[in-house]
């Protein structure tokens, strides 16, 4: 359920460099700015996902991660056979 934060409009002055301040609480955040018509802008905070990480946010990756977490919870870590594992990793079969 989304809640809407209703605030009173505030007057901002666009500086000589073309910038306005939205407040320190938004410092460093990425935003989407849409010009809906001349002089009317919609500014929304956003999280940008790099192209090479987009696969992490797809359903298959979420299912694979969930399965891995379930497996890890039911299979305690063990250092038995560690020498055999290192030999296999180093191609020393």
Protein backbone atom coordinates (compact mmCIF):
# COMPACT_ATOMS: atom_id res chain seq x y z
CA UNK A 1 0.00 0.00 0.00
CA UNK A 2 1.47 3.35 -1.03
CA UNK A 3 0.97 6.41 1.07
CA UNK A 4 1.06 9.85 -0.42
CA UNK A 5 2.90 12.57 1.41
CA UNK A 6 1.01 15.77 0.78
CA UNK A 7 3.05 18.92 1.34
CA UNK A 8 2.44 22.54 0.67
CA UNK A 9 4.00 23.82 -2.54
CA UNK A 10 7.24 25.70 -2.03
CA UNK A 11 8.79 28.36 -4.21
CA UNK A 12 12.28 27.57 -5.48
CA UNK A 13 14.51 29.81 -7.55
CA UNK A 14 16.41 28.31 -10.45
CA UNK A 15 19.97 29.53 -10.10
CA UNK A 16 22.14 31.01 -12.85
CA UNK A 17 23.61 27.54 -13.46
CA UNK A 18 20.11 26.06 -14.04
CA UNK A 19 19.91 24.17 -10.75
CA UNK A 20 17.42 24.03 -7.90
CA UNK A 21 17.87 22.48 -4.47
CA UNK A 22 15.38 19.84 -3.35
CA UNK A 23 16.86 19.50 0.13
CA UNK A 24 19.74 17.72 1.82
CA UNK A 25 17.65 14.57 2.32
CA UNK A 26 17.97 13.97 -1.43
CA UNK A 27 21.70 14.74 -1.70
CA UNK A 28 23.47 12.17 -3.87
CA UNK A 29 20.24 10.50 -5.01
CA UNK A 30 19.53 9.80 -8.66
CA UNK A 31 16.31 11.21 -10.05
CA UNK A 32 14.26 10.95 -13.21
CA UNK A 33 13.20 14.31 -14.58
CA UNK A 34 10.35 14.36 -17.07
CA UNK A 35 9.24 17.53 -18.77
CA UNK A 36 5.52 16.90 -19.14
CA UNK A 37 4.94 20.18 -20.96
CA UNK A 38 6.92 23.42 -21.20
CA UNK A 39 7.56 24.60 -17.65
CA UNK A 40 6.05 21.50 -15.97
CA UNK A 41 8.46 18.89 -14.63
CA UNK A 42 7.92 15.67 -12.75
CA UNK A 43 10.91 14.72 -10.59
CA UNK A 44 11.04 11.20 -9.13
CA UNK A 45 13.79 9.47 -7.14
CA UNK A 46 15.08 6.39 -8.92
CA UNK A 47 17.50 3.53 -8.59
CA UNK A 48 19.45 2.93 -11.77
CA UNK A 49 20.60 -0.63 -12.44
CA UNK A 50 23.67 -1.01 -14.66
CA UNK A 51 23.04 -3.12 -17.79
CA UNK A 52 25.55 -5.78 -16.73
CA UNK A 53 23.70 -6.27 -13.40
CA UNK A 54 20.15 -6.29 -14.77
CA UNK A 55 20.06 -10.12 -14.88
CA UNK A 56 20.28 -10.13 -11.07
CA UNK A 57 16.84 -8.53 -10.93
CA UNK A 58 15.12 -11.06 -13.17
CA UNK A 59 12.82 -13.79 -11.85
CA UNK A 60 15.19 -16.69 -12.70
CA UNK A 61 18.03 -15.14 -10.71
CA UNK A 62 15.70 -14.61 -7.73
CA UNK A 63 14.56 -18.27 -7.87
CA UNK A 64 18.16 -19.52 -8.21
CA UNK A 65 19.25 -17.40 -5.25
CA UNK A 66 16.32 -18.58 -3.14
CA UNK A 67 17.17 -22.22 -3.94
CA UNK A 68 20.82 -21.61 -3.05
CA UNK A 69 19.84 -20.07 0.28
CA UNK A 70 17.55 -23.01 1.09
CA UNK A 71 20.37 -25.45 0.22
CA UNK A 72 22.86 -23.50 2.35
CA UNK A 73 20.53 -23.56 5.36
CA UNK A 74 20.17 -27.35 5.20
CA UNK A 75 23.82 -28.13 4.37
CA UNK A 76 26.24 -27.07 7.07
CA UNK A 77 29.68 -25.97 5.90
CA UNK A 78 32.38 -28.56 6.36
CA UNK A 79 36.11 -28.68 5.80
CA UNK A 80 36.19 -32.46 5.35
CA UNK A 81 37.71 -33.51 2.04
CA UNK A 82 39.16 -30.03 1.61
CA UNK A 83 42.37 -31.45 0.09
CA UNK A 84 40.36 -33.36 -2.54
CA UNK A 85 38.40 -30.21 -3.37
CA UNK A 86 41.59 -28.17 -3.86
CA UNK A 87 43.10 -30.92 -5.99
CA UNK A 88 39.99 -30.97 -8.17
CA UNK A 89 40.03 -27.18 -8.51
CA UNK A 90 43.72 -27.23 -9.43
CA UNK A 91 43.20 -30.02 -11.99
CA UNK A 92 45.29 -32.53 -10.04
CA UNK A 93 42.93 -35.49 -10.40
